[in-house]
Amino acid sequence: MFLDFLSKYAKLIINYCVNVKKGAHVVIWGPVDSIPLINEIYREVLRSTDGNPMTKLEVPGEEYIFYKEAKDQQIAYSNPFDLYMVQNIDVAIKIRGLVNTRELTNIPPEKIQKN
């Protein structure tokens, strides 16, 4: 029953909210607790658009570790894979999940702004 709901939701997202065109390159990303929905969106891209989906997962705690430990040159680093994605993806779908909204509370805002 829950998968039926997620399947309907994925169809709504793909065919109405973002209106994925035939053959589009689609990235779907979100936290690990959103994997069931990510999978249904992935499935719907394949089924109804003949699109080319890819997924990207956010690992809990990773962002905190990065800003806590990274040096200035690491924060300023531009990942070439992210640049490639921005230049080649037609549709990006970001799923929000149950994440720790206070995870970066102890990180100075100016450090986050450098990234």
N, C-alpha and C. Protein backbone atom coordinates (compact mmCIF):
# COMPACT_ATOMS: atom_id res chain seq x y z
N MET A 1 0.81 -1.19 0.00
CA MET A 1 0.00 0.00 0.00
C MET A 1 0.86 1.26 0.00
N PHE A 2 1.90 1.26 0.85
CA PHE A 2 2.81 2.41 0.90
C PHE A 2 3.53 2.59 -0.42
N LEU A 3 3.94 1.46 -1.05
CA LEU A 3 4.62 1.55 -2.35
C LEU A 3 3.68 2.08 -3.42
N ASP A 4 2.39 1.75 -3.31
CA ASP A 4 1.41 2.30 -4.27
C ASP A 4 1.36 3.82 -4.16
N PHE A 5 1.36 4.31 -2.92
CA PHE A 5 1.37 5.76 -2.68
C PHE A 5 2.63 6.39 -3.27
N LEU A 6 3.79 5.78 -3.01
CA LEU A 6 5.05 6.32 -3.53
C LEU A 6 5.08 6.28 -5.05
N SER A 7 4.54 5.24 -5.64
CA SER A 7 4.48 5.13 -7.09
C SER A 7 3.62 6.26 -7.69
N LYS A 8 2.48 6.52 -7.08
CA LYS A 8 1.62 7.61 -7.56
C LYS A 8 2.30 8.96 -7.38
N TYR A 9 2.97 9.11 -6.28
CA TYR A 9 3.69 10.36 -6.00
C TYR A 9 4.82 10.56 -7.02
N ALA A 10 5.53 9.50 -7.33
CA ALA A 10 6.61 9.58 -8.32
C ALA A 10 6.06 9.96 -9.69
N LYS A 11 4.93 9.39 -10.07
CA LYS A 11 4.30 9.74 -11.36
C LYS A 11 3.93 11.21 -11.39
N LEU A 12 3.38 11.71 -10.29
CA LEU A 12 3.02 13.12 -10.19
C LEU A 12 4.26 14.01 -10.35
N ILE A 13 5.33 13.65 -9.66
CA ILE A 13 6.57 14.43 -9.72
C ILE A 13 7.12 14.46 -11.14
N ILE A 14 7.26 13.29 -11.75
CA ILE A 14 7.90 13.18 -13.06
C ILE A 14 7.05 13.75 -14.19
N ASN A 15 5.76 13.46 -14.18
CA ASN A 15 4.91 13.83 -15.31
C ASN A 15 4.21 15.17 -15.17
N TYR A 16 4.19 15.73 -13.96
CA TYR A 16 3.50 17.00 -13.77
C TYR A 16 4.41 18.06 -13.15
N CYS A 17 4.96 17.76 -11.99
CA CYS A 17 5.74 18.78 -11.26
C CYS A 17 6.97 19.25 -12.03
N VAL A 18 7.76 18.32 -12.52
CA VAL A 18 8.95 18.72 -13.27
C VAL A 18 8.84 18.40 -14.76
N ASN A 19 7.80 17.67 -15.15
CA ASN A 19 7.51 17.38 -16.55
C ASN A 19 8.76 16.92 -17.32
N VAL A 20 9.28 15.79 -16.91
CA VAL A 20 10.49 15.24 -17.54
C VAL A 20 10.20 14.88 -18.99
N LYS A 21 11.02 15.38 -19.88
CA LYS A 21 10.85 15.11 -21.32
C LYS A 21 11.50 13.78 -21.69
N LYS A 22 11.09 13.24 -22.79
CA LYS A 22 11.62 11.97 -23.29
C LYS A 22 13.14 12.05 -23.45
N GLY A 23 13.83 11.07 -22.88
CA GLY A 23 15.28 10.98 -23.01
C GLY A 23 16.08 11.93 -22.13
N ALA A 24 15.42 12.61 -21.22
CA ALA A 24 16.11 13.60 -20.37
C ALA A 24 17.09 12.93 -19.41
N HIS A 25 18.12 13.68 -19.05
CA HIS A 25 19.09 13.25 -18.03
C HIS A 25 18.60 13.81 -16.70
N VAL A 26 18.32 12.92 -15.75
CA VAL A 26 17.69 13.30 -14.50
C VAL A 26 18.53 12.85 -13.32
N VAL A 27 18.82 13.77 -12.41
CA VAL A 27 19.48 13.39 -11.17
C VAL A 27 18.45 13.51 -10.05
N ILE A 28 18.44 12.48 -9.20
CA ILE A 28 17.53 12.43 -8.05
C ILE A 28 18.40 12.28 -6.82
N TRP A 29 18.29 13.21 -5.88
CA TRP A 29 19.11 13.02 -4.69
C TRP A 29 18.38 13.40 -3.42
N GLY A 30 18.87 12.81 -2.35
CA GLY A 30 18.27 13.05 -1.05
C GLY A 30 18.95 12.19 0.00
N PRO A 31 18.48 12.30 1.24
CA PRO A 31 19.07 11.52 2.32
C PRO A 31 18.66 10.05 2.25
N VAL A 32 19.38 9.20 2.95
CA VAL A 32 19.14 7.76 2.88
C VAL A 32 17.74 7.38 3.33
N ASP A 33 17.11 8.17 4.19
CA ASP A 33 15.75 7.83 4.62
C ASP A 33 14.72 8.06 3.52
N SER A 34 15.12 8.66 2.41
CA SER A 34 14.20 8.88 1.29
C SER A 34 14.41 7.87 0.16
N ILE A 35 15.19 6.83 0.39
CA ILE A 35 15.49 5.84 -0.65
C ILE A 35 14.23 5.23 -1.27
N PRO A 36 13.20 4.87 -0.52
CA PRO A 36 12.02 4.30 -1.20
C PRO A 36 11.41 5.25 -2.24
N LEU A 37 11.32 6.52 -1.93
CA LEU A 37 10.78 7.48 -2.90
C LEU A 37 11.77 7.70 -4.05
N ILE A 38 13.05 7.80 -3.74
CA ILE A 38 14.06 7.94 -4.79
C ILE A 38 13.96 6.78 -5.77
N ASN A 39 13.81 5.56 -5.26
CA ASN A 39 13.68 4.39 -6.14
C ASN A 39 12.46 4.46 -7.03
N GLU A 40 11.34 4.93 -6.50
CA GLU A 40 10.11 5.03 -7.31
C GLU A 40 10.24 6.12 -8.37
N ILE A 41 10.88 7.21 -8.04
CA ILE A 41 11.11 8.26 -9.03
C ILE A 41 12.04 7.74 -10.13
N TYR A 42 13.09 7.05 -9.72
CA TYR A 42 14.03 6.44 -10.66
C TYR A 42 13.28 5.51 -11.62
N ARG A 43 12.43 4.65 -11.05
CA ARG A 43 11.64 3.70 -11.84
C ARG A 43 10.73 4.45 -12.83
N GLU A 44 10.09 5.51 -12.37
CA GLU A 44 9.16 6.25 -13.23
C GLU A 44 9.89 6.96 -14.37
N VAL A 45 11.08 7.47 -14.11
CA VAL A 45 11.87 8.09 -15.19
C VAL A 45 12.15 7.04 -16.27
N LEU A 46 12.53 5.84 -15.86
CA LEU A 46 12.81 4.78 -16.82
C LEU A 46 11.55 4.37 -17.59
N ARG A 47 10.46 4.22 -16.87
CA ARG A 47 9.23 3.72 -17.49
C ARG A 47 8.55 4.72 -18.41
N SER A 48 8.34 5.92 -17.94
CA SER A 48 7.46 6.82 -18.69
C SER A 48 8.16 7.84 -19.57
N THR A 49 9.48 8.00 -19.41
CA THR A 49 10.14 9.03 -20.20
C THR A 49 11.29 8.51 -21.04
N ASP A 50 11.64 7.24 -20.86
CA ASP A 50 12.85 6.70 -21.50
C ASP A 50 14.06 7.55 -21.15
N GLY A 51 13.97 8.20 -19.99
CA GLY A 51 15.04 9.07 -19.54
C GLY A 51 16.21 8.32 -18.96
N ASN A 52 17.20 9.06 -18.57
CA ASN A 52 18.44 8.51 -18.04
C ASN A 52 18.64 9.02 -16.61
N PRO A 53 18.09 8.28 -15.62
CA PRO A 53 18.20 8.74 -14.25
C PRO A 53 19.52 8.34 -13.59
N MET A 54 19.92 9.15 -12.63
CA MET A 54 21.04 8.79 -11.76
C MET A 54 20.68 9.27 -10.37
N THR A 55 21.26 8.65 -9.37
CA THR A 55 20.95 9.02 -7.99
C THR A 55 22.19 9.49 -7.26
N LYS A 56 21.93 10.27 -6.24
CA LYS A 56 22.99 10.82 -5.41
C LYS A 56 22.45 10.81 -3.97
N LEU A 57 23.14 10.15 -3.07
CA LEU A 57 22.67 10.07 -1.68
C LEU A 57 23.46 10.99 -0.77
N GLU A 58 22.75 11.55 0.18
CA GLU A 58 23.39 12.36 1.23
C GLU A 58 23.59 11.45 2.44
N VAL A 59 24.81 11.36 2.91
CA VAL A 59 25.13 10.51 4.04
C VAL A 59 25.00 11.33 5.33
N PRO A 60 24.21 10.83 6.30
CA PRO A 60 24.05 11.58 7.55
C PRO A 60 25.39 11.87 8.22
N GLY A 61 25.58 13.11 8.62
CA GLY A 61 26.80 13.52 9.31
C GLY A 61 27.94 13.96 8.41
N GLU A 62 27.85 13.66 7.13
CA GLU A 62 28.94 13.97 6.20
C GLU A 62 29.20 15.47 6.08
N GLU A 63 28.13 16.24 5.98
CA GLU A 63 28.28 17.69 5.84
C GLU A 63 28.93 18.30 7.08
N TYR A 64 28.52 17.83 8.25
CA TYR A 64 29.12 18.31 9.50
C TYR A 64 30.61 18.00 9.53
N ILE A 65 30.96 16.76 9.21
CA ILE A 65 32.37 16.36 9.21
C ILE A 65 33.16 17.23 8.25
N PHE A 66 32.59 17.47 7.06
CA PHE A 66 33.29 18.30 6.07
C PHE A 66 33.62 19.67 6.63
N TYR A 67 32.60 20.38 7.13
CA TYR A 67 32.84 21.74 7.61
C TYR A 67 33.65 21.77 8.90
N LYS A 68 33.61 20.74 9.68
CA LYS A 68 34.40 20.67 10.92
C LYS A 68 35.87 20.42 10.61
N GLU A 69 36.16 19.60 9.61
CA GLU A 69 37.53 19.14 9.36
C GLU A 69 38.22 19.76 8.15
N ALA A 70 37.47 20.23 7.18
CA ALA A 70 38.07 20.68 5.92
C ALA A 70 38.89 21.96 6.10
N LYS A 71 39.99 22.00 5.40
CA LYS A 71 40.83 23.20 5.37
C LYS A 71 40.29 24.14 4.29
N ASP A 72 40.74 25.38 4.31
CA ASP A 72 40.22 26.39 3.38
C ASP A 72 40.30 25.96 1.92
N GLN A 73 41.42 25.34 1.52
CA GLN A 73 41.55 24.93 0.11
C GLN A 73 40.58 23.80 -0.22
N GLN A 74 40.22 22.97 0.76
CA GLN A 74 39.26 21.91 0.52
C GLN A 74 37.84 22.48 0.41
N ILE A 75 37.55 23.48 1.21
CA ILE A 75 36.25 24.13 1.14
C ILE A 75 36.09 24.86 -0.19
N ALA A 76 37.15 25.47 -0.67
CA ALA A 76 37.10 26.22 -1.93
C ALA A 76 37.13 25.32 -3.17
N TYR A 77 37.47 24.06 -3.00
CA TYR A 77 37.60 23.11 -4.11
C TYR A 77 36.27 22.96 -4.86
N SER A 78 36.32 23.02 -6.17
CA SER A 78 35.15 22.77 -7.01
C SER A 78 35.25 21.37 -7.58
N ASN A 79 34.34 20.52 -7.19
CA ASN A 79 34.35 19.14 -7.62
C ASN A 79 34.02 19.06 -9.11
N PRO A 80 34.88 18.48 -9.94
CA PRO A 80 34.61 18.40 -11.38
C PRO A 80 33.38 17.55 -11.71
N PHE A 81 33.06 16.60 -10.87
CA PHE A 81 31.87 15.79 -11.10
C PHE A 81 30.61 16.62 -10.93
N ASP A 82 30.61 17.51 -9.94
CA ASP A 82 29.46 18.40 -9.76
C ASP A 82 29.32 19.35 -10.94
N LEU A 83 30.43 19.86 -11.43
CA LEU A 83 30.41 20.74 -12.60
C LEU A 83 29.86 20.00 -13.82
N TYR A 84 30.31 18.78 -14.02
CA TYR A 84 29.81 17.97 -15.13
C TYR A 84 28.30 17.78 -14.99
N MET A 85 27.85 17.49 -13.78
CA MET A 85 26.43 17.26 -13.55
C MET A 85 25.62 18.52 -13.89
N VAL A 86 26.08 19.67 -13.42
CA VAL A 86 25.37 20.92 -13.68
C VAL A 86 25.29 21.19 -15.19
N GLN A 87 26.34 20.89 -15.90
CA GLN A 87 26.38 21.17 -17.34
C GLN A 87 25.60 20.16 -18.18
N ASN A 88 25.33 18.96 -17.63
CA ASN A 88 24.76 17.90 -18.46
C ASN A 88 23.41 17.35 -18.00
N ILE A 89 22.91 17.79 -16.89
CA ILE A 89 21.64 17.29 -16.37
C ILE A 89 20.50 18.20 -16.82
N ASP A 90 19.43 17.59 -17.29
CA ASP A 90 18.25 18.35 -17.72
C ASP A 90 17.32 18.66 -16.55
N VAL A 91 17.20 17.71 -15.62
CA VAL A 91 16.28 17.85 -14.50
C VAL A 91 16.96 17.38 -13.22
N ALA A 92 16.84 18.17 -12.16
CA ALA A 92 17.35 17.79 -10.85
C ALA A 92 16.19 17.74 -9.87
N ILE A 93 16.07 16.62 -9.17
CA ILE A 93 15.00 16.45 -8.19
C ILE A 93 15.64 16.22 -6.83
N LYS A 94 15.38 17.12 -5.90
CA LYS A 94 15.94 17.05 -4.55
C LYS A 94 14.85 16.61 -3.59
N ILE A 95 15.07 15.52 -2.89
CA ILE A 95 14.12 15.01 -1.91
C ILE A 95 14.62 15.41 -0.52
N ARG A 96 13.73 15.97 0.25
CA ARG A 96 14.05 16.30 1.64
C ARG A 96 13.61 15.14 2.52
N GLY A 97 14.36 14.90 3.58
CA GLY A 97 14.00 13.80 4.48
C GLY A 97 14.13 14.22 5.92
N LEU A 98 14.09 13.26 6.79
CA LEU A 98 14.23 13.51 8.22
C LEU A 98 15.71 13.65 8.54
N VAL A 99 16.18 14.86 8.46
CA VAL A 99 17.60 15.12 8.72
C VAL A 99 17.75 15.96 9.98
N ASN A 100 18.94 15.97 10.50
CA ASN A 100 19.24 16.78 11.68
C ASN A 100 19.37 18.24 11.23
N THR A 101 18.35 19.03 11.47
CA THR A 101 18.34 20.42 11.02
C THR A 101 19.31 21.29 11.80
N ARG A 102 19.83 20.79 12.89
CA ARG A 102 20.76 21.56 13.72
C ARG A 102 22.20 21.06 13.59
N GLU A 103 22.43 20.21 12.61
CA GLU A 103 23.74 19.59 12.46
C GLU A 103 24.88 20.60 12.33
N LEU A 104 24.64 21.71 11.66
CA LEU A 104 25.71 22.68 11.40
C LEU A 104 25.69 23.86 12.37
N THR A 105 24.96 23.73 13.46
CA THR A 105 24.83 24.82 14.43
C THR A 105 26.17 25.32 14.95
N ASN A 106 27.10 24.42 15.19
CA ASN A 106 28.40 24.79 15.78
C ASN A 106 29.46 25.15 14.74
N ILE A 107 29.07 25.21 13.49
CA ILE A 107 30.01 25.57 12.41
C ILE A 107 29.84 27.05 12.12
N PRO A 108 30.94 27.81 12.10
CA PRO A 108 30.82 29.24 11.79
C PRO A 108 30.19 29.47 10.41
N PRO A 109 29.19 30.33 10.30
CA PRO A 109 28.52 30.58 9.01
C PRO A 109 29.47 31.03 7.91
N GLU A 110 30.49 31.80 8.27
CA GLU A 110 31.43 32.26 7.24
C GLU A 110 32.21 31.10 6.61
N LYS A 111 32.39 30.02 7.35
CA LYS A 111 33.07 28.86 6.79
C LYS A 111 32.17 28.17 5.77
N ILE A 112 30.88 28.09 6.07
CA ILE A 112 29.93 27.47 5.14
C ILE A 112 29.78 28.32 3.89
N GLN A 113 29.82 29.63 4.03
CA GLN A 113 29.67 30.53 2.89
C GLN A 113 30.82 30.42 1.89
N LYS A 114 31.97 29.94 2.32
CA LYS A 114 33.13 29.81 1.43
C LYS A 114 32.93 28.70 0.40
N ASN A 115 32.04 27.77 0.69
CA ASN A 115 31.86 26.62 -0.19
C ASN A 115 30.92 26.96 -1.31
